[in-house]
Amino acid sequence: MKPSFALSLSVDGICLLHRVAGGWRIVGDVGLDTTDLAAELTVLRKTAATLETGPLRCKLLLPNEQIKYLTIETPGLDPGARHAAAVLALEGATPYAVDDLVIDCCADGNSTHIAAVAKETLVEAESFARDHSFNPVSFAAVPGTHPYVGEPFFGQTSVSEAFLKPGETITPDKTSVRIIGPADLPVDPNPAPPPPVDTTSAPTGTQQEQAATTADLPQDIGANAASAGGTEPTTATPQTASQHVSAPLSEQETAPPPTIGFASRRGGANAQARRGSPGYARRARGFCHRGAYRGRTGTCCTCRTTTCS
């Protein structure tokens, strides 16, 4: 079988993809510096459940920063001989022993393209996906600009049998993942109603008309009314222009500035602390100044030290 979803892991974040005719569509993505990684990954899982009726099963797309790509010349060699030549080419090409690597290779005329990844990287990626209930069943990669034909395939996960039917196996894709756009998510048949509009604070049209009518009355109407009643009209004391002048701005009571009600998910004092959380999100940033991946020991793959930056 071929899984309907792919969980792409990178140094920038996690992206969930859905297989459709003609390629893959983005269900959603989450940055590693988000305020609540687990909660946002849960949203991704629930969104995926609206796209497929069966159980969620994912292939894991590993970041190219953790994969060693090589090309060697192998004219006239059969597949077995090509693989043996790839093993020899990887001797000393990484800080790992060849036995600690998972290797995939493909023929391209007289050339053989090689993709190799450390077994410990597969363990870390599988553990991350399993901990967040994405049910990983296989490992793959997207070669991008690397001259690899098709999709590098690094086998099934150690827990794949728990998510597959008896006797079912994973069939590798012949072509690498191609994203064609966002996923077509179903429309919620019962959307939440809009919040009620508060109309108590705003004056009604009748109140506004009454206020305007009162303002248009002649100034001596009160005096005429008083004369009609037998009392002496009272002459209003005119106010001078100085009495209408507002107090200086410095003496007026100013309202406090409005509080901004939105804070960036990627900011805040806790964001830096969250970046050190355990799991794949922390290890994915373990690279030295040359871009080489640090393994679980923290040793630089290129410099073979722990002090490079």
Protein backbone atom coordinates (compact mmCIF):
# COMPACT_ATOMS: atom_id res chain seq x y z
CA MET A 1 0.00 0.00 0.00
CA LYS A 2 0.93 3.66 -0.34
CA PRO A 3 0.11 5.94 2.60
CA SER A 4 -2.30 8.78 1.88
CA PHE A 5 -0.41 11.27 4.03
CA ALA A 6 3.19 12.43 4.32
CA LEU A 7 4.69 14.21 7.31
CA SER A 8 7.51 16.44 6.13
CA LEU A 9 10.15 17.21 8.76
CA SER A 10 12.55 20.10 8.28
CA VAL A 11 14.64 22.56 10.27
CA ASP A 12 11.89 25.15 9.71
CA GLY A 13 8.88 23.13 10.84
CA ILE A 14 6.49 20.25 10.22
CA CYS A 15 4.16 20.07 7.23
CA LEU A 16 1.37 17.52 6.67
CA LEU A 17 0.62 16.60 3.04
CA HIS A 18 -2.33 14.73 1.52
CA ARG A 19 -2.00 12.51 -1.55
CA VAL A 20 -4.37 13.48 -4.39
CA ALA A 21 -4.53 12.93 -8.14
CA GLY A 22 -1.56 14.66 -9.73
CA GLY A 23 0.49 15.24 -6.58
CA TRP A 24 0.19 16.27 -2.94
CA ARG A 25 -1.71 19.07 -1.20
CA ILE A 26 -0.77 20.90 2.00
CA VAL A 27 -3.08 20.15 4.91
CA GLY A 28 -1.21 22.54 7.21
CA ASP A 29 2.16 23.32 8.72
CA VAL A 30 3.52 24.17 12.15
CA GLY A 31 6.70 26.06 13.04
CA LEU A 32 9.06 24.54 15.57
CA ASP A 33 8.99 27.75 17.60
CA THR A 34 5.21 27.76 18.01
CA THR A 35 3.83 28.40 21.48
CA ASP A 36 2.18 24.97 21.75
CA LEU A 37 3.61 22.44 19.30
CA ALA A 38 1.58 19.49 20.57
CA ALA A 39 -1.74 21.36 20.34
CA GLU A 40 -1.12 22.53 16.79
CA LEU A 41 -0.07 19.05 15.67
CA THR A 42 -3.31 17.76 17.14
CA VAL A 43 -5.19 20.23 14.92
CA LEU A 44 -3.30 18.84 11.91
CA ARG A 45 -4.33 15.29 12.80
CA LYS A 46 -7.97 16.25 13.23
CA THR A 47 -7.92 18.09 9.91
CA ALA A 48 -6.48 15.01 8.20
CA ALA A 49 -9.37 12.96 9.61
CA THR A 50 -11.80 15.10 7.59
CA LEU A 51 -10.01 14.19 4.34
CA GLU A 52 -9.85 10.39 4.67
CA THR A 53 -12.26 7.95 6.25
CA GLY A 54 -9.64 5.29 7.00
CA PRO A 55 -6.93 5.34 9.66
CA LEU A 56 -4.20 7.97 9.46
CA ARG A 57 -0.93 6.51 8.12
CA CYS A 58 2.03 8.66 7.13
CA LYS A 59 5.33 8.32 5.37
CA LEU A 60 8.01 10.50 6.91
CA LEU A 61 9.90 12.89 4.63
CA LEU A 62 13.35 13.44 6.11
CA PRO A 63 15.19 16.76 5.75
CA ASN A 64 17.91 16.75 3.09
CA GLU A 65 20.34 18.27 5.62
CA GLN A 66 20.46 14.82 7.26
CA ILE A 67 20.94 12.86 4.03
CA LYS A 68 24.21 12.22 2.22
CA TYR A 69 23.84 12.41 -1.56
CA LEU A 70 26.57 11.08 -3.86
CA THR A 71 26.92 10.23 -7.55
CA ILE A 72 29.40 7.64 -8.82
CA GLU A 73 30.16 6.21 -12.25
CA THR A 74 29.12 2.57 -12.62
CA PRO A 75 29.07 1.72 -16.35
CA GLY A 76 27.82 -1.76 -17.19
CA LEU A 77 27.08 -2.80 -13.59
CA ASP A 78 23.94 -4.68 -12.55
CA PRO A 79 21.84 -3.46 -9.56
CA GLY A 80 23.71 -5.63 -7.05
CA ALA A 81 27.09 -4.42 -8.25
CA ARG A 82 25.88 -0.82 -8.22
CA HIS A 83 24.82 -1.17 -4.58
CA ALA A 84 28.17 -2.68 -3.65
CA ALA A 85 29.92 0.23 -5.36
CA ALA A 86 27.71 2.65 -3.42
CA VAL A 87 28.75 1.04 -0.13
CA LEU A 88 32.42 1.45 -1.03
CA ALA A 89 31.85 5.10 -1.98
CA LEU A 90 30.30 5.82 1.41
CA GLU A 91 33.30 4.49 3.34
CA GLY A 92 34.67 7.55 5.13
CA ALA A 93 32.20 9.89 3.40
CA THR A 94 30.22 10.36 6.64
CA PRO A 95 31.12 10.25 10.34
CA TYR A 96 29.15 6.99 10.60
CA ALA A 97 30.23 3.48 9.82
CA VAL A 98 28.52 2.13 6.73
CA ASP A 99 26.71 -0.41 8.91
CA ASP A 100 25.08 2.52 10.73
CA LEU A 101 23.61 3.89 7.48
CA VAL A 102 20.50 3.08 5.46
CA ILE A 103 21.31 3.35 1.75
CA ASP A 104 19.17 3.76 -1.33
CA CYS A 105 20.50 4.20 -4.85
CA CYS A 106 19.16 4.56 -8.39
CA ALA A 107 20.59 4.07 -11.85
CA ASP A 108 20.92 6.96 -14.27
CA GLY A 109 22.64 5.72 -17.41
CA ASN A 110 26.26 4.96 -16.52
CA SER A 111 25.87 6.80 -13.21
CA THR A 112 24.48 5.71 -9.86
CA HIS A 113 22.95 8.24 -7.50
CA ILE A 114 23.22 7.46 -3.79
CA ALA A 115 21.17 8.64 -0.82
CA ALA A 116 22.25 7.58 2.68
CA VAL A 117 20.91 8.47 6.14
CA ALA A 118 22.01 7.52 9.64
CA LYS A 119 19.88 4.90 11.37
CA GLU A 120 19.73 7.06 14.49
CA THR A 121 18.11 9.82 12.43
CA LEU A 122 15.35 7.40 11.42
CA VAL A 123 14.83 6.42 15.06
CA GLU A 124 14.48 10.06 16.10
CA ALA A 125 12.06 10.92 13.29
CA GLU A 126 9.94 7.83 13.96
CA SER A 127 9.82 8.57 17.69
CA PHE A 128 8.66 12.14 17.06
CA ALA A 129 5.89 11.08 14.67
CA ARG A 130 4.76 8.22 16.92
CA ASP A 131 4.66 10.44 20.02
CA HIS A 132 2.29 12.79 18.20
CA SER A 133 0.09 9.93 16.85
CA PHE A 134 0.88 10.36 13.14
CA ASN A 135 1.31 6.58 12.74
CA PRO A 136 4.53 6.53 10.69
CA VAL A 137 4.88 3.58 8.30
CA SER A 138 7.88 4.44 6.07
CA PHE A 139 10.79 6.79 5.44
CA ALA A 140 11.47 8.79 2.28
CA ALA A 141 12.89 12.11 1.12
CA VAL A 142 12.43 14.78 -1.53
CA PRO A 143 15.79 15.14 -3.33
CA GLY A 144 15.05 18.65 -4.61
CA THR A 145 18.11 19.91 -6.50
CA HIS A 146 20.13 16.75 -5.85
CA PRO A 147 20.51 14.59 -8.99
CA TYR A 148 18.46 11.67 -7.73
CA VAL A 149 15.93 9.95 -9.97
CA GLY A 150 12.61 9.34 -8.20
CA GLU A 151 12.13 9.26 -4.45
CA PRO A 152 14.80 7.99 -2.04
CA PHE A 153 13.17 5.24 0.02
CA PHE A 154 14.67 4.14 3.35
CA GLY A 155 12.27 1.34 4.25
CA GLN A 156 9.44 0.84 6.68
CA THR A 157 9.38 2.06 10.26
CA SER A 158 9.83 -0.33 13.16
CA VAL A 159 6.17 0.21 14.15
CA SER A 160 4.65 -0.03 10.66
CA GLU A 161 3.10 -3.48 11.27
CA ALA A 162 0.91 -1.96 13.97
CA PHE A 163 -0.73 0.28 11.36
CA LEU A 164 -0.84 -2.15 8.41
CA LYS A 165 -3.08 -5.08 7.69
CA PRO A 166 -1.58 -8.58 8.09
CA GLY A 167 0.78 -9.24 5.20
CA GLU A 168 0.51 -5.66 3.91
CA THR A 169 3.73 -3.84 2.94
CA ILE A 170 4.63 -0.37 1.78
CA THR A 171 5.12 0.21 -1.94
CA PRO A 172 7.70 2.95 -2.65
CA ASP A 173 6.63 5.82 -4.89
CA LYS A 174 8.40 6.01 -8.24
CA THR A 175 8.31 9.80 -8.22
CA SER A 176 9.13 12.20 -5.40
CA VAL A 177 6.53 14.32 -3.67
CA ARG A 178 5.24 17.23 -5.76
CA ILE A 179 3.12 19.84 -3.98
CA ILE A 180 0.34 21.27 -6.16
CA GLY A 181 -1.42 23.54 -3.66
CA PRO A 182 -3.41 23.66 -0.42
CA ALA A 183 -5.80 20.88 0.52
CA ASP A 184 -9.49 21.16 -0.37
CA LEU A 185 -10.91 21.06 3.14
CA PRO A 186 -14.63 20.25 3.60
CA VAL A 187 -16.98 23.05 4.64
CA ASP A 188 -18.29 22.84 8.20
CA PRO A 189 -22.05 22.08 7.90
CA ASN A 190 -22.68 23.62 11.34
CA PRO A 191 -20.56 26.77 11.54
CA ALA A 192 -20.50 28.73 14.78
CA PRO A 193 -23.05 31.59 14.84
CA PRO A 194 -21.66 35.14 14.72
CA PRO A 195 -21.42 36.98 18.07
CA PRO A 196 -24.46 39.16 18.98
CA VAL A 197 -24.26 42.87 18.15
CA ASP A 198 -24.52 45.24 21.13
CA THR A 199 -27.04 47.98 20.22
CA THR A 200 -27.64 49.41 23.71
CA SER A 201 -24.80 51.95 23.65
CA ALA A 202 -25.60 53.51 20.27
CA PRO A 203 -28.45 56.07 20.10
CA THR A 204 -31.45 55.09 18.00
CA GLY A 205 -32.66 57.11 15.02
CA THR A 206 -35.60 58.51 17.04
CA GLN A 207 -33.26 59.68 19.82
CA GLN A 208 -31.01 61.41 17.30
CA GLU A 209 -34.00 63.17 15.70
CA GLN A 210 -35.26 64.39 19.09
CA ALA A 211 -31.82 65.76 19.95
CA ALA A 212 -31.62 67.60 16.64
CA THR A 213 -35.12 69.08 17.11
CA THR A 214 -34.25 70.36 20.57
CA ALA A 215 -31.07 71.97 19.29
CA ASP A 216 -33.02 73.84 16.58
CA LEU A 217 -35.51 75.49 19.01
CA PRO A 218 -35.26 79.35 19.26
CA GLN A 219 -33.32 80.64 22.25
CA ASP A 220 -36.22 82.80 23.60
CA ILE A 221 -38.77 79.99 23.76
CA GLY A 222 -38.20 79.67 27.44
CA ALA A 223 -38.76 83.41 27.94
CA ASN A 224 -42.04 83.37 25.95
CA ALA A 225 -43.25 80.42 27.93
CA ALA A 226 -42.46 82.25 31.16
CA SER A 227 -44.34 85.40 30.02
CA ALA A 228 -47.33 83.32 29.14
CA GLY A 229 -47.37 81.93 32.62
CA GLY A 230 -47.18 85.35 34.30
CA THR A 231 -43.61 85.17 35.45
CA GLU A 232 -40.82 87.41 34.38
CA PRO A 233 -38.55 86.06 31.73
CA THR A 234 -35.04 85.43 32.78
CA THR A 235 -32.35 86.89 30.58
CA ALA A 236 -29.59 84.38 29.92
CA THR A 237 -26.10 85.63 30.62
CA PRO A 238 -24.07 85.41 27.44
CA GLN A 239 -20.84 83.52 27.66
CA THR A 240 -17.64 85.00 26.39
CA ALA A 241 -15.43 83.23 23.96
CA SER A 242 -12.89 82.58 26.69
CA GLN A 243 -15.43 80.52 28.58
CA HIS A 244 -15.70 78.11 25.65
CA VAL A 245 -11.96 77.47 25.38
CA SER A 246 -10.99 73.97 26.51
CA ALA A 247 -8.30 73.49 29.08
CA PRO A 248 -4.77 72.99 27.74
CA LEU A 249 -4.00 69.45 26.55
CA SER A 250 -1.55 68.99 29.39
CA GLU A 251 -4.34 69.68 31.89
CA GLN A 252 -6.90 67.41 30.27
CA GLU A 253 -7.36 63.89 31.52
CA THR A 254 -6.08 61.60 28.80
CA ALA A 255 -7.26 58.03 28.34
CA PRO A 256 -4.65 55.26 28.54
CA PRO A 257 -3.51 53.88 25.18
CA PRO A 258 -5.46 50.85 23.90
CA THR A 259 -4.07 47.43 24.69
CA ILE A 260 -3.08 45.36 21.70
CA GLY A 261 -5.03 42.12 21.88
CA PHE A 262 -2.84 39.99 19.64
CA ALA A 263 0.58 38.53 20.41
CA SER A 264 2.69 36.67 17.90
CA ARG A 265 2.75 32.97 18.41
CA ARG A 266 6.44 33.07 17.55
CA GLY A 267 7.36 35.70 20.07
CA GLY A 268 7.24 36.01 23.81
CA ALA A 269 9.61 35.18 26.58
CA ASN A 270 8.59 31.53 26.60
CA ALA A 271 9.36 30.95 22.93
CA GLN A 272 13.11 30.73 23.51
CA ALA A 273 12.61 28.26 26.36
CA ARG A 274 10.30 26.11 24.23
CA ARG A 275 12.93 25.81 21.53
CA GLY A 276 14.94 23.65 23.90
CA SER A 277 12.13 21.13 24.39
CA PRO A 278 13.08 17.45 23.88
CA GLY A 279 12.40 15.49 20.73
CA TYR A 280 12.91 15.93 17.05
CA ALA A 281 12.16 19.68 17.21
CA ARG A 282 15.34 20.18 19.23
CA ARG A 283 17.56 17.81 17.29
CA ALA A 284 16.47 19.15 13.92
CA ARG A 285 18.51 22.27 14.60
CA GLY A 286 21.71 20.36 15.42
CA PHE A 287 23.91 21.51 12.58
CA CYS A 288 27.40 22.97 12.58
CA HIS A 289 28.66 26.01 10.66
CA ARG A 290 29.16 23.86 7.54
CA GLY A 291 25.59 22.56 7.58
CA ALA A 292 26.60 19.09 8.78
CA TYR A 293 24.19 17.26 11.07
CA ARG A 294 25.16 16.53 14.64
CA GLY A 295 24.11 13.09 15.76
CA ARG A 296 22.76 12.07 19.13
CA THR A 297 26.28 12.45 20.60
CA GLY A 298 26.49 16.10 19.52
CA THR A 299 29.59 15.43 17.42
CA CYS A 300 29.84 17.47 14.23
CA CYS A 301 29.64 15.25 11.16
CA THR A 302 32.27 17.33 9.35
CA CYS A 303 34.63 18.50 12.06
CA ARG A 304 34.13 15.48 14.37
CA THR A 305 34.15 17.79 17.40
CA THR A 306 31.55 19.27 19.70
CA THR A 307 33.05 22.75 19.82
CA CYS A 308 32.45 24.05 16.30
CA SER A 309 29.71 26.60 15.77
